Each structure stands twice: as C-alpha cells, then as structure tokens.
Amino acid sequence: MSPVSCFTLFARLRTGPTAAAFGASVALLAIEVAAARAQAPVLGVSVYTWTATLGWVFVGIALGGLICGHLADRFPARAVWRACLIVGGAITPLCLLVFDLLVAREWISDLPVVVRAIAMAGVTLLLPSTALGAIVPAAIADLRGAPDRFGRGVGQIYAASTAGGITGTFLAGFLLIPTIGADRTIGLAGLGALLLGLLGNLRWGIVARLTAIATVGISGLAASRVSDARRCTYETAYFCVRVETNEEDAAAGPIRTLWLDHLSHSRVSLLDPRRLSFSYLRAYADVAALRARTVNAPDFLIIGAGAYGFPRYLETVYPSSTIDAIEIDPSLLEISHRDFGLSRDTRIRSYLGDARTALTSLGPEQTYDVIFADAFNDLAMPYHLTTVDYLIDLKARLAPGGLYVSNVIDHPVRHGRVIQSFYRTIRTAFRHAYVLQWGPRELDRVETLVIVGTDVPLDLGPLRRHDPIPENPGLSYSTAHVPELEAIVHGVLLTDDHAPIEQLVAPLYVLRN
C-alpha cells in the first residue's frame, strides 16, 4: 500500500462521525472557556459576562441543530458535518477579529454594561457555536445508512461529544490559556476544527483545495491579528495583565498602573511609595495610623497585594513592623519586582494562594494588629472571602484590639444592599463596625467605601485631619465616618452556605453607567 493510500485510510478512520463529534466538542468548549477570558480586558468577569457567554453558546447549538436538520435532508450528512467543521473552524478567529474591531468603536463603550456584554459575546460566539453545534446532529444523521447499529452509534456519538467537551474545557482552562493565552487558544481550537474537516475531504478538486488552503491562511492571519490586538502585557492563569506608565511630576517620578482585565487595580509611584492614588487606600493608611497611635510598630496583613503599592507604603512608613501579604496570582509578585519597584530584598513576606488556604501557611502564633482586605476587584467579589465563617477564622489572626479593614463597592443611595450586607456580616463577626469614606461625601454614585470591624470601640477623632492631594494642589480631604450607612435595612448575612454576592452586585453594573 502506498504512503498516500495509508494516509487516506488513516484520515477516514480518524474523521468518522464519532471523531467529528469529539473534535467539534473539544473546539466548542475550548472556545467557550477562552472567550470569556478573552473578553475580560473589555467587559470584565461577572455574572453578566458568563451568562452572555453560556447563553450565546446554547443559542448557537440550538440554531445549529435546526439548520443541520434541514441540510441533512437535502445533502449527504457526511458532507454536512465536514462542511460545518470547516466553516466553524474558519470563522472562529475571524469573529474574534471582529470583536477587536468593534472594541475600537466609541459607540460600543456608550452602551449599558449589560447590553454591551450580550452584544460582544454574541459577536464572538454565535456563528462558531452554530457551525460547531450542527455537527452532532449531522453525525447522527450520517448513521441512517446502518439501521442495525443506529442506537449504539448514537450512544457513541453522544459519549464522544461529552468526552470532547470535558477535554476541551480542561485543556483550555488548565493548559492552553495559562500557556499560550486566551486568544491563541481560540485560534488554535478553530484551526483544529478546520483541519479536522479538511482531513476528511482529500478527494476534493483543485478549486476546493485551493479554497480550503486560502481559508486556512486567512484564519491563521486573523488568529495572529487577534493576538496582536489584545492589550495584555502579560497573561497569567488569573488575569490579562497590562502595565502602563504615565509621567505625572518630577517628585513622584513614573506612575505605573496595573490593569487586571479591565480594572485599574493599582497605581504606583516608583520614586515615592508613600503616594497612594486611590481614595480607599488613603482611608486604609489613616486606619493604620490610627492603630499605630496605640500600638508601637503594629503588624499588618494585606489580602490581595496586586502591584504591592499598599504593602510598599506600609513598609516605608512602618520600618519596624511585620508586613505580610497574600496574593492569589504568583505571577503578580514577579511582575511587581520587575515593573513596580518592589525590591528583591523587601521585608514584605509573600504567601501565594487563595486567602482562605494561605492563612494556614502563616505561623501558628502569628497575629496582626490590622488585616486589610484588598481582594475585591471592581464589582467582582470572591464570595468565600465575604462570609461570616471566613471572618471568624480571620479574627483568630488578630491581636487583642486588632482591626479588620475591607473595601466595598456600592451605590449607597440608589442601591445600598452590598454595603448593608457587608456591614451586617462584619458586625456579626465583630462587636463594632464602622463605615468610612475618604474624600468628598458623594454617596449618590457607585463609590468605594471602607468598613472597619473590631471588638473594641474606636476613637475616630484623629481621622479628622485633612491630607493634601498631590494630583490636585490646593485640595485636601480626610477620612470621615459615615454613620448613616450603618443602618441595617436590607442587608443579607453572608455565610458559606448562603452568600448571593453576584445577585447583590448585579444592579451596580446598570447603575455604574
């Protein structure tokens, strides 16, 4: 048997209906997982983005099944699923290219957040999901010529499809996205489906072959264009990371901003670690100073280090204090060393991992005078770090009279359920809780507030001092107590068993616009 004949036989064995169902599901689920990640720098990660992603995939699968039924009655079923593999694979990177082109349009950013999430997910996912979703029904229709093994064949196809979905999910989430990035994962999944479809069409004429080759080339070009268009400086297992540099003034030197997905997470002065750019961090600094009035060299724990801007501030202001930081993304530690001025000889001790598991890595006798929570990115809040069960465990790490300090994002006037739920939960774990805000009293907008939990009453008088704002000479603000937000009206007690954070936060996506 000639080498060409052997290859043809191999191709036929590997591109039957069962193999097609498996390959299509690998590609579709890999695209689904990677698409949500690829959209994160523009849309963020929320219940809305995941709902839009999953919803459009299912819409595509339904449309694919409907269209496939009509096509399979008019054309050979094998030709249908092979064509769907080729079409689905070819248009996948092209759709992501269209997504990037739309992002550049100003009118897209003017849409409400929910509408934008639905529209952009649809652009990315509807056509690939329709083409790849048609393959399983077409593969089943391909079995009509063998009625004696139809039931067994259908079972094999559905089993292969499910196995392919599992494979695509695990492959994308655990290997491809952390290794090559979300955009290239989508491009690779599309090209894999396309090549699988081409493999079963070795007897095509010259025109069809040239068309297929051109399609592969266009898709590859689009995939590379997508990768170049994405604005990630680094892509880690958790975030699309961007590092931007803005010169502000001679005293502060370069100001670098760390973007995690679409969120400006940290703004760090390379020359002046004392300079804090975010209002809630200035409130954090005031709370640290408040504790330092009663404790010599207080010890601090920061949960969510980011670019290590606030840990560096504490390291500079409190040279005799113990400063520990927990960060879930190990890549951010190296990025902070490389791009944000964190010394390799820093006194800050870093513990890498999720906060609840990393707590067990701390020394058994280690306690802290203040624990700062800075793990809530924009409106995405890990629910397991908000519950009273977690706070009770965390409280065991506080020294007598210690303080737990958390930021929380809400629209106090038009919503208020997030701040009330946080306050009620912290007030349950601690005897006293206080809501603070640095800056002008503007509660009729989405705002970042601060809640302090403690078992001893706090004298908030020292917070009344006014600090100048480096970015706005002549202006000065202070951290103020906001007692009117401490009334529990609609607050939910957040527990490990019941913490509806995403439902509480969801209205803020609309109010923020």
Protein backbone atom coordinates (compact mmCIF):
# COMPACT_ATOMS: atom_id res chain seq x y z
CA MET A 1 0.00 0.00 0.00
CA SER A 2 1.41 3.39 -0.99
CA PRO A 3 2.05 6.13 1.59
CA VAL A 4 -0.77 8.20 0.08
CA SER A 5 -3.20 5.28 0.42
CA CYS A 6 -2.12 4.73 4.04
CA PHE A 7 -2.69 8.40 4.82
CA THR A 8 -6.11 8.30 3.15
CA LEU A 9 -7.11 5.25 5.21
CA PHE A 10 -5.83 6.94 8.39
CA ALA A 11 -7.83 10.07 7.58
CA ARG A 12 -11.03 8.08 7.04
CA LEU A 13 -10.61 6.23 10.31
CA ARG A 14 -9.98 9.45 12.20
CA THR A 15 -12.74 11.57 10.66
CA GLY A 16 -15.83 9.43 11.10
CA PRO A 17 -18.99 10.73 12.81
CA THR A 18 -17.78 9.83 16.31
CA ALA A 19 -14.42 11.53 15.82
CA ALA A 20 -16.16 14.57 14.35
CA ALA A 21 -18.45 14.86 17.38
CA PHE A 22 -15.48 14.57 19.72
CA GLY A 23 -13.38 17.13 17.84
CA ALA A 24 -16.22 19.62 17.47
CA SER A 25 -16.97 19.49 21.20
CA VAL A 26 -13.29 19.90 22.09
CA ALA A 27 -13.17 23.01 19.92
CA LEU A 28 -16.51 24.44 21.06
CA LEU A 29 -15.87 24.12 24.81
CA ALA A 30 -12.31 25.40 24.47
CA ILE A 31 -13.67 28.41 22.59
CA GLU A 32 -16.36 28.96 25.23
CA VAL A 33 -13.91 28.92 28.15
CA ALA A 34 -11.35 31.07 26.36
CA ALA A 35 -13.92 33.56 25.01
CA ALA A 36 -14.97 34.72 28.48
CA ARG A 37 -11.32 35.21 29.31
CA ALA A 38 -10.54 36.97 26.02
CA GLN A 39 -13.38 39.43 26.61
CA ALA A 40 -12.32 40.20 30.20
CA PRO A 41 -9.99 43.13 29.35
CA VAL A 42 -13.00 44.90 27.84
CA LEU A 43 -16.02 43.56 29.73
CA GLY A 44 -14.57 42.27 32.99
CA VAL A 45 -15.60 38.99 34.60
CA SER A 46 -19.05 38.92 36.13
CA VAL A 47 -22.28 37.00 36.26
CA TYR A 48 -23.36 39.01 33.20
CA THR A 49 -20.36 38.09 31.05
CA TRP A 50 -20.58 34.40 31.95
CA THR A 51 -24.36 34.39 31.38
CA ALA A 52 -23.93 36.03 27.98
CA THR A 53 -21.16 33.60 27.05
CA LEU A 54 -23.09 30.48 28.04
CA GLY A 55 -26.34 31.82 26.60
CA TRP A 56 -24.93 32.50 23.15
CA VAL A 57 -23.26 29.09 23.00
CA PHE A 58 -26.59 27.41 23.69
CA VAL A 59 -28.36 29.66 21.18
CA GLY A 60 -25.77 28.64 18.60
CA ILE A 61 -26.13 24.94 19.39
CA ALA A 62 -29.92 25.22 19.02
CA LEU A 63 -29.64 27.07 15.71
CA GLY A 64 -27.03 24.60 14.50
CA GLY A 65 -29.32 21.68 15.22
CA LEU A 66 -32.22 23.38 13.44
CA ILE A 67 -30.18 24.28 10.37
CA CYS A 68 -28.48 20.90 10.28
CA GLY A 69 -31.82 19.11 10.21
CA HIS A 70 -32.79 20.88 7.00
CA LEU A 71 -29.37 20.43 5.40
CA ALA A 72 -29.15 16.73 6.27
CA ASP A 73 -32.43 16.13 4.42
CA ARG A 74 -31.08 17.74 1.26
CA PHE A 75 -27.41 16.77 1.23
CA PRO A 76 -25.34 13.79 2.38
CA ALA A 77 -24.99 14.01 6.15
CA ARG A 78 -21.25 13.34 5.99
CA ALA A 79 -20.75 16.31 3.69
CA VAL A 80 -22.78 18.47 6.09
CA TRP A 81 -20.75 17.79 9.22
CA ARG A 82 -17.46 18.05 7.34
CA ALA A 83 -18.53 21.40 5.92
CA CYS A 84 -19.62 22.57 9.39
CA LEU A 85 -16.22 21.66 10.82
CA ILE A 86 -14.50 23.69 8.12
CA VAL A 87 -16.85 26.67 8.40
CA GLY A 88 -16.83 26.67 12.21
CA GLY A 89 -13.07 26.44 12.36
CA ALA A 90 -12.54 29.14 9.76
CA ILE A 91 -14.88 31.77 11.20
CA THR A 92 -13.83 31.37 14.84
CA PRO A 93 -10.69 33.56 14.70
CA LEU A 94 -12.44 35.89 12.27
CA CYS A 95 -15.21 36.52 14.82
CA LEU A 96 -12.66 37.42 17.47
CA LEU A 97 -11.08 39.80 14.98
CA VAL A 98 -14.49 41.46 14.51
CA PHE A 99 -14.76 41.69 18.31
CA ASP A 100 -11.48 43.63 18.44
CA LEU A 101 -12.60 45.94 15.64
CA LEU A 102 -15.85 46.69 17.49
CA VAL A 103 -13.99 47.44 20.71
CA ALA A 104 -12.33 50.36 18.94
CA ARG A 105 -15.74 51.93 18.18
CA GLU A 106 -16.74 54.65 20.66
CA TRP A 107 -20.44 53.84 20.44
CA ILE A 108 -19.79 50.38 21.89
CA SER A 109 -18.42 51.84 25.13
CA ASP A 110 -21.50 54.07 25.39
CA LEU A 111 -23.85 51.08 25.59
CA PRO A 112 -25.11 49.94 29.01
CA VAL A 113 -22.88 47.30 30.54
CA VAL A 114 -25.45 44.51 30.24
CA VAL A 115 -26.24 45.30 26.60
CA ARG A 116 -22.54 45.54 25.79
CA ALA A 117 -21.82 42.16 27.39
CA ILE A 118 -24.63 40.47 25.45
CA ALA A 119 -23.72 42.11 22.14
CA MET A 120 -19.99 41.45 22.32
CA ALA A 121 -20.42 37.84 23.44
CA GLY A 122 -22.84 37.30 20.57
CA VAL A 123 -20.37 38.66 18.03
CA THR A 124 -17.70 36.30 19.32
CA LEU A 125 -19.68 33.12 19.86
CA LEU A 126 -22.89 32.88 17.85
CA LEU A 127 -21.50 31.86 14.45
CA PRO A 128 -18.85 29.39 15.70
CA SER A 129 -21.37 27.83 18.10
CA THR A 130 -23.93 27.46 15.31
CA ALA A 131 -21.49 25.76 12.94
CA LEU A 132 -19.87 23.50 15.53
CA GLY A 133 -23.21 22.83 17.25
CA ALA A 134 -24.59 21.39 14.00
CA ILE A 135 -22.03 18.61 13.86
CA VAL A 136 -23.51 16.19 16.42
CA PRO A 137 -26.98 16.15 14.75
CA ALA A 138 -25.32 15.75 11.34
CA ALA A 139 -23.11 12.95 12.64
CA ILE A 140 -26.21 11.16 13.94
CA ALA A 141 -27.93 11.63 10.58
CA ASP A 142 -24.87 10.01 9.00
CA LEU A 143 -25.84 6.75 10.75
CA ARG A 144 -29.10 6.36 8.84
CA GLY A 145 -27.43 4.00 6.41
CA ALA A 146 -26.75 1.47 9.19
CA PRO A 147 -30.09 0.91 11.00
CA ASP A 148 -28.82 -2.27 12.67
CA ARG A 149 -26.33 -0.27 14.77
CA PHE A 150 -28.14 3.06 14.93
CA GLY A 151 -28.78 3.01 18.70
CA ARG A 152 -25.22 2.04 19.53
CA GLY A 153 -23.90 4.63 17.10
CA VAL A 154 -26.00 7.41 18.63
CA GLY A 155 -24.76 6.46 22.09
CA GLN A 156 -21.15 6.54 20.91
CA ILE A 157 -21.59 9.95 19.30
CA TYR A 158 -23.15 11.49 22.41
CA ALA A 159 -20.49 9.90 24.62
CA ALA A 160 -17.76 11.21 22.32
CA SER A 161 -19.34 14.66 22.30
CA THR A 162 -19.48 14.78 26.10
CA ALA A 163 -15.92 13.49 26.39
CA GLY A 164 -14.82 16.11 23.88
CA GLY A 165 -16.49 18.87 25.86
CA ILE A 166 -14.75 17.76 29.05
CA THR A 167 -11.44 17.52 27.21
CA GLY A 168 -11.82 20.96 25.66
CA THR A 169 -12.76 22.53 28.99
CA PHE A 170 -9.84 21.03 30.90
CA LEU A 171 -7.39 21.56 28.06
CA ALA A 172 -8.28 25.24 27.70
CA GLY A 173 -8.54 26.07 31.40
CA PHE A 174 -5.62 24.13 32.81
CA LEU A 175 -3.12 24.11 29.94
CA LEU A 176 -3.70 26.29 26.90
CA ILE A 177 -4.89 29.60 28.39
CA PRO A 178 -2.13 29.76 31.05
CA THR A 179 0.46 28.69 28.47
CA ILE A 180 -0.39 30.46 25.20
CA GLY A 181 -3.21 32.84 26.19
CA ALA A 182 -6.93 33.03 25.52
CA ASP A 183 -6.72 34.49 22.01
CA ARG A 184 -4.35 31.86 20.71
CA THR A 185 -6.42 29.16 22.41
CA ILE A 186 -9.45 30.30 20.42
CA GLY A 187 -7.43 30.46 17.22
CA LEU A 188 -5.94 27.02 17.85
CA ALA A 189 -9.36 25.49 18.56
CA GLY A 190 -10.74 26.98 15.37
CA LEU A 191 -7.82 25.81 13.26
CA GLY A 192 -8.04 22.34 14.79
CA ALA A 193 -11.70 22.04 13.80
CA LEU A 194 -10.93 23.36 10.33
CA LEU A 195 -8.10 20.90 9.74
CA LEU A 196 -10.23 18.02 11.04
CA GLY A 197 -12.84 18.93 8.44
CA LEU A 198 -10.25 19.20 5.69
CA LEU A 199 -8.78 15.82 6.62
CA GLY A 200 -11.96 14.10 5.53
CA ASN A 201 -12.07 15.81 2.15
CA LEU A 202 -8.90 14.53 0.50
CA ARG A 203 -10.70 13.85 -2.81
CA TRP A 204 -11.74 17.42 -3.40
CA GLY A 205 -10.98 19.05 -6.71
CA ILE A 206 -8.22 21.58 -7.18
CA VAL A 207 -10.53 24.60 -6.75
CA ALA A 208 -11.91 23.27 -3.48
CA ARG A 209 -8.41 22.52 -2.23
CA LEU A 210 -7.16 25.99 -3.08
CA THR A 211 -10.20 27.48 -1.37
CA ALA A 212 -9.53 25.41 1.74
CA ILE A 213 -5.86 26.38 1.75
CA ALA A 214 -6.80 30.06 1.40
CA THR A 215 -9.28 29.68 4.25
CA VAL A 216 -6.59 28.20 6.48
CA GLY A 217 -4.29 31.10 5.62
CA ILE A 218 -6.94 33.74 6.31
CA SER A 219 -7.86 32.11 9.61
CA GLY A 220 -4.23 31.90 10.66
CA LEU A 221 -3.71 35.55 9.77
CA ALA A 222 -6.81 36.52 11.74
CA ALA A 223 -5.65 34.49 14.73
CA SER A 224 -2.29 36.27 14.75
CA ARG A 225 -4.07 39.64 14.33
CA VAL A 226 -6.28 38.86 17.30
CA SER A 227 -3.27 38.08 19.46
CA ASP A 228 -1.59 41.36 18.48
CA ALA A 229 -4.75 43.36 19.06
CA ARG A 230 -5.24 42.21 22.65
CA ARG A 231 -3.64 44.59 25.08
CA CYS A 232 -2.11 42.17 27.58
CA THR A 233 1.43 42.89 28.74
CA TYR A 234 1.31 39.52 30.48
CA GLU A 235 -1.35 36.82 30.52
CA THR A 236 -1.40 34.79 33.72
CA ALA A 237 -3.57 31.93 34.91
CA TYR A 238 -5.88 34.51 36.50
CA PHE A 239 -5.74 37.79 34.59
CA CYS A 240 -4.94 39.65 31.43
CA VAL A 241 -2.31 41.97 32.93
CA ARG A 242 -1.42 45.33 31.43
CA VAL A 243 1.29 47.66 32.69
CA GLU A 244 1.02 51.32 31.71
CA THR A 245 3.41 54.16 32.54
CA ASN A 246 2.31 57.79 32.97
CA GLU A 247 4.72 60.59 33.87
CA GLU A 248 2.99 62.88 36.37
CA ASP A 249 5.56 65.09 38.10
CA ALA A 250 9.23 65.20 38.98
CA ALA A 251 8.68 64.36 42.65
CA ALA A 252 6.60 61.24 42.05
CA GLY A 253 8.53 60.05 39.04
CA PRO A 254 6.91 57.50 36.73
CA ILE A 255 3.43 56.44 37.82
CA ARG A 256 2.71 52.90 36.71
CA THR A 257 -0.76 51.43 36.55
CA LEU A 258 -1.53 47.74 36.89
CA TRP A 259 -4.60 46.67 34.93
CA LEU A 260 -6.14 43.32 35.79
CA ASP A 261 -8.54 42.54 32.97
CA HIS A 262 -10.49 45.82 32.58
CA LEU A 263 -9.83 47.09 36.12
CA SER A 264 -7.24 49.66 37.09
CA HIS A 265 -6.14 47.73 40.17
CA SER A 266 -3.01 49.61 41.34
CA ARG A 267 -1.28 52.91 40.61
CA VAL A 268 2.24 53.01 41.97
CA SER A 269 4.85 55.75 42.13
CA LEU A 270 8.27 54.21 41.55
CA LEU A 271 10.04 57.01 43.45
CA ASP A 272 7.59 57.70 46.27
CA PRO A 273 5.97 54.63 47.88
CA ARG A 274 4.07 56.95 50.24
CA ARG A 275 1.97 58.23 47.38
CA LEU A 276 -1.41 56.48 47.29
CA SER A 277 -3.63 57.12 44.28
CA PHE A 278 -6.92 55.50 45.32
CA SER A 279 -9.23 57.01 47.91
CA TYR A 280 -9.90 53.78 49.77
CA LEU A 281 -6.15 53.17 50.17
CA ARG A 282 -5.82 56.62 51.75
CA ALA A 283 -8.53 55.56 54.19
CA TYR A 284 -6.58 52.34 54.79
CA ALA A 285 -3.48 54.42 55.55
CA ASP A 286 -5.45 56.50 58.04
CA VAL A 287 -6.70 53.36 59.79
CA ALA A 288 -3.13 52.05 60.00
CA ALA A 289 -2.06 55.36 61.57
CA LEU A 290 -4.98 55.13 63.99
CA ARG A 291 -3.78 51.72 65.18
CA ALA A 292 -0.18 52.96 65.40
CA ARG A 293 -1.30 55.54 68.00
CA THR A 294 -1.96 52.72 70.47
CA VAL A 295 0.48 50.01 69.33
CA ASN A 296 4.18 50.50 68.75
CA ALA A 297 5.22 49.01 65.39
CA PRO A 298 1.87 47.37 64.52
CA ASP A 299 1.94 44.22 62.41
CA PHE A 300 -0.03 44.17 59.16
CA LEU A 301 -1.52 41.56 56.82
CA ILE A 302 -2.73 42.55 53.35
CA ILE A 303 -5.03 40.16 51.47
CA GLY A 304 -4.66 40.92 47.77
CA ALA A 305 -1.27 42.52 47.10
CA GLY A 306 -1.72 43.38 43.41
CA ALA A 307 1.28 45.52 42.40
CA TYR A 308 2.32 45.76 46.07
CA GLY A 309 1.60 49.50 46.18
CA PHE A 310 -0.04 49.50 49.62
CA PRO A 311 2.34 46.90 51.14
CA ARG A 312 5.26 49.08 49.97
CA TYR A 313 3.60 52.08 51.62
CA LEU A 314 3.39 50.23 54.93
CA GLU A 315 6.96 49.00 54.55
CA THR A 316 8.14 52.60 54.13
CA VAL A 317 6.04 54.23 56.84
CA TYR A 318 6.43 51.47 59.45
CA PRO A 319 10.03 50.23 59.15
CA SER A 320 9.83 48.14 62.35
CA SER A 321 6.54 46.41 61.58
CA THR A 322 5.93 42.91 60.27
CA ILE A 323 4.22 43.16 56.89
CA ASP A 324 2.75 40.05 55.27
CA ALA A 325 0.82 39.86 52.01
CA ILE A 326 -1.36 37.15 50.47
CA GLU A 327 -1.70 37.14 46.68
CA ILE A 328 -3.58 34.50 44.70
CA ASP A 329 -1.68 35.08 41.43
CA PRO A 330 2.01 34.18 41.81
CA SER A 331 2.83 35.96 38.55
CA LEU A 332 1.92 39.32 40.10
CA LEU A 333 4.75 39.00 42.61
CA GLU A 334 7.32 38.71 39.82
CA ILE A 335 5.60 41.49 37.84
CA SER A 336 5.78 43.72 40.92
CA HIS A 337 9.51 43.07 41.21
CA ARG A 338 10.07 43.67 37.52
CA ASP A 339 7.78 46.61 36.77
CA PHE A 340 6.59 48.24 40.01
CA GLY A 341 9.71 48.83 42.07
CA LEU A 342 9.28 46.06 44.64
CA SER A 343 12.78 45.32 45.91
CA ARG A 344 14.08 41.77 45.80
CA ASP A 345 15.25 42.42 49.38
CA THR A 346 11.85 43.62 50.59
CA ARG A 347 10.79 42.98 54.18
CA ILE A 348 7.33 42.08 52.92
CA ARG A 349 6.67 38.36 53.27
CA SER A 350 4.50 36.99 50.48
CA TYR A 351 2.19 34.00 50.75
CA LEU A 352 0.87 32.81 47.39
CA GLY A 353 -2.55 31.23 47.03
CA ASP A 354 -6.18 31.78 47.89
CA ALA A 355 -6.60 33.72 51.12
CA ARG A 356 -8.57 31.03 52.95
CA THR A 357 -5.99 28.35 52.22
CA ALA A 358 -2.98 30.66 52.56
CA LEU A 359 -3.99 31.52 56.12
CA THR A 360 -2.92 28.02 57.11
CA SER A 361 0.60 28.79 55.81
CA LEU A 362 1.11 31.57 58.33
CA GLY A 363 2.99 30.82 61.51
CA PRO A 364 0.69 29.29 64.14
CA GLU A 365 1.44 32.09 66.61
CA GLN A 366 1.41 34.93 64.08
CA THR A 367 -1.21 37.59 64.76
CA TYR A 368 -1.73 41.03 63.30
CA ASP A 369 -2.84 44.40 64.56
CA VAL A 370 -4.57 45.26 61.28
CA ILE A 371 -5.73 42.97 58.46
CA PHE A 372 -6.53 44.77 55.21
CA ALA A 373 -8.74 43.11 52.57
CA ASP A 374 -7.93 44.29 49.04
CA ALA A 375 -9.10 41.27 47.04
CA PHE A 376 -12.32 42.71 45.63
CA ASN A 377 -11.66 43.68 42.01
CA ASP A 378 -14.15 46.21 40.73
CA LEU A 379 -17.60 44.57 41.01
CA ALA A 380 -16.21 41.02 41.00
CA MET A 381 -16.04 39.77 44.58
CA PRO A 382 -14.96 36.25 45.58
CA TYR A 383 -17.91 35.31 47.75
CA HIS A 384 -15.91 32.98 50.01
CA LEU A 385 -13.91 35.99 51.25
CA THR A 386 -17.05 37.86 52.31
CA THR A 387 -18.70 35.40 54.68
CA VAL A 388 -19.00 35.47 58.44
CA ASP A 389 -17.43 31.99 58.58
CA TYR A 390 -14.32 33.37 56.89
CA LEU A 391 -14.26 36.45 59.12
CA ILE A 392 -14.38 34.31 62.25
CA ASP A 393 -11.34 32.36 61.00
CA LEU A 394 -9.62 35.62 60.14
CA LYS A 395 -10.47 37.12 63.51
CA ALA A 396 -8.37 34.41 65.16
CA ARG A 397 -5.37 36.02 63.44
CA LEU A 398 -6.00 39.42 65.04
CA ALA A 399 -4.14 40.58 68.12
CA PRO A 400 -6.30 41.87 71.02
CA GLY A 401 -7.93 45.08 69.86
CA GLY A 402 -6.98 44.33 66.25
CA LEU A 403 -8.82 45.74 63.24
CA TYR A 404 -10.22 44.12 60.12
CA VAL A 405 -10.49 46.60 57.23
CA SER A 406 -12.33 45.90 53.97
CA ASN A 407 -13.28 47.93 50.94
CA VAL A 408 -16.74 47.55 49.42
CA ILE A 409 -18.25 48.98 46.25
CA ASP A 410 -21.88 50.12 46.16
CA HIS A 411 -24.27 52.88 45.18
CA PRO A 412 -25.42 53.82 48.70
CA VAL A 413 -28.36 55.99 47.66
CA ARG A 414 -29.95 54.01 44.82
CA HIS A 415 -28.93 50.51 45.88
CA GLY A 416 -27.15 50.05 49.21
CA ARG A 417 -27.67 46.31 49.60
CA VAL A 418 -23.99 45.47 49.14
CA ILE A 419 -22.73 47.87 51.80
CA GLN A 420 -25.53 46.82 54.17
CA SER A 421 -24.80 43.12 53.68
CA PHE A 422 -21.08 43.65 54.22
CA TYR A 423 -21.78 45.77 57.28
CA ARG A 424 -24.20 43.25 58.78
CA THR A 425 -21.77 40.39 58.20
CA ILE A 426 -18.78 42.22 59.68
CA ARG A 427 -20.92 43.46 62.56
CA THR A 428 -21.87 39.84 63.28
CA ALA A 429 -18.24 38.74 63.48
CA PHE A 430 -17.10 41.79 65.49
CA ARG A 431 -18.64 43.78 68.32
CA HIS A 432 -18.19 47.07 66.50
CA ALA A 433 -18.18 48.09 62.83
CA TYR A 434 -17.65 51.49 61.23
CA VAL A 435 -18.24 52.73 57.68
CA LEU A 436 -15.61 55.19 56.45
CA GLN A 437 -15.02 57.22 53.30
CA TRP A 438 -12.02 59.24 52.19
CA GLY A 439 -12.72 62.33 50.15
CA PRO A 440 -15.82 64.37 49.38
CA ARG A 441 -19.13 62.99 50.63
CA GLU A 442 -20.56 61.76 47.31
CA LEU A 443 -22.90 58.88 48.03
CA ASP A 444 -25.20 59.30 45.02
CA ARG A 445 -22.91 57.31 42.72
CA VAL A 446 -21.10 53.98 42.64
CA GLU A 447 -18.45 54.51 45.32
CA THR A 448 -15.72 52.57 47.11
CA LEU A 449 -16.27 52.66 50.86
CA VAL A 450 -14.37 51.15 53.77
CA ILE A 451 -15.69 49.10 56.70
CA VAL A 452 -13.67 48.53 59.87
CA GLY A 453 -14.53 45.65 62.21
CA THR A 454 -13.14 45.40 65.74
CA ASP A 455 -14.01 44.13 69.19
CA VAL A 456 -13.07 47.40 70.89
CA PRO A 457 -14.64 50.83 70.37
CA LEU A 458 -12.63 53.14 68.13
CA ASP A 459 -11.93 56.81 68.71
CA LEU A 460 -12.33 58.17 65.19
CA GLY A 461 -11.39 61.71 66.17
CA PRO A 462 -7.82 61.52 64.80
CA LEU A 463 -9.26 60.77 61.35
CA ARG A 464 -10.48 64.35 61.05
CA ARG A 465 -7.10 65.63 59.83
CA HIS A 466 -7.01 66.77 56.20
CA ASP A 467 -4.46 65.40 53.73
CA PRO A 468 -3.36 67.27 50.61
CA ILE A 469 -3.88 65.61 47.24
CA PRO A 470 -0.65 65.51 45.19
CA GLU A 471 -2.57 65.35 41.90
CA ASN A 472 -4.67 68.43 42.81
CA PRO A 473 -2.63 71.08 44.66
CA GLY A 474 -4.78 73.21 46.93
CA LEU A 475 -7.31 70.45 47.68
CA SER A 476 -7.31 68.38 50.84
CA TYR A 477 -9.66 65.75 52.21
CA SER A 478 -9.92 63.46 55.19
CA THR A 479 -11.27 60.05 56.09
CA ALA A 480 -14.74 60.55 57.52
CA HIS A 481 -17.13 58.37 59.48
CA VAL A 482 -20.39 57.75 57.58
CA PRO A 483 -22.79 56.59 60.33
CA GLU A 484 -25.90 56.93 58.15
CA LEU A 485 -24.76 53.89 56.18
CA GLU A 486 -24.61 51.73 59.28
CA ALA A 487 -28.37 51.20 59.47
CA ILE A 488 -29.16 47.60 58.50
CA VAL A 489 -32.34 47.60 56.43
CA HIS A 490 -31.91 45.10 53.60
CA GLY A 491 -28.58 43.56 54.48
CA VAL A 492 -28.05 39.83 53.93
CA LEU A 493 -25.96 37.89 56.43
CA LEU A 494 -23.31 36.34 54.20
CA THR A 495 -22.38 32.78 55.12
CA ASP A 496 -20.52 29.95 53.42
CA ASP A 497 -23.91 28.34 52.81
CA HIS A 498 -25.62 31.48 51.50
CA ALA A 499 -23.65 34.37 50.01
CA PRO A 500 -25.56 35.77 46.99
CA ILE A 501 -22.82 38.26 46.16
CA GLU A 502 -23.36 38.21 42.40
CA GLN A 503 -27.08 38.86 42.80
CA LEU A 504 -26.37 41.74 45.20
CA VAL A 505 -23.78 43.26 42.90
CA ALA A 506 -25.65 42.77 39.61
CA PRO A 507 -27.69 46.04 39.73
CA LEU A 508 -24.47 48.03 40.09
CA TYR A 509 -23.50 47.17 36.53
CA VAL A 510 -26.52 49.16 35.39
CA LEU A 511 -26.16 51.96 37.95
CA ARG A 512 -22.49 52.43 37.10
CA ASN A 513 -23.48 53.58 33.62
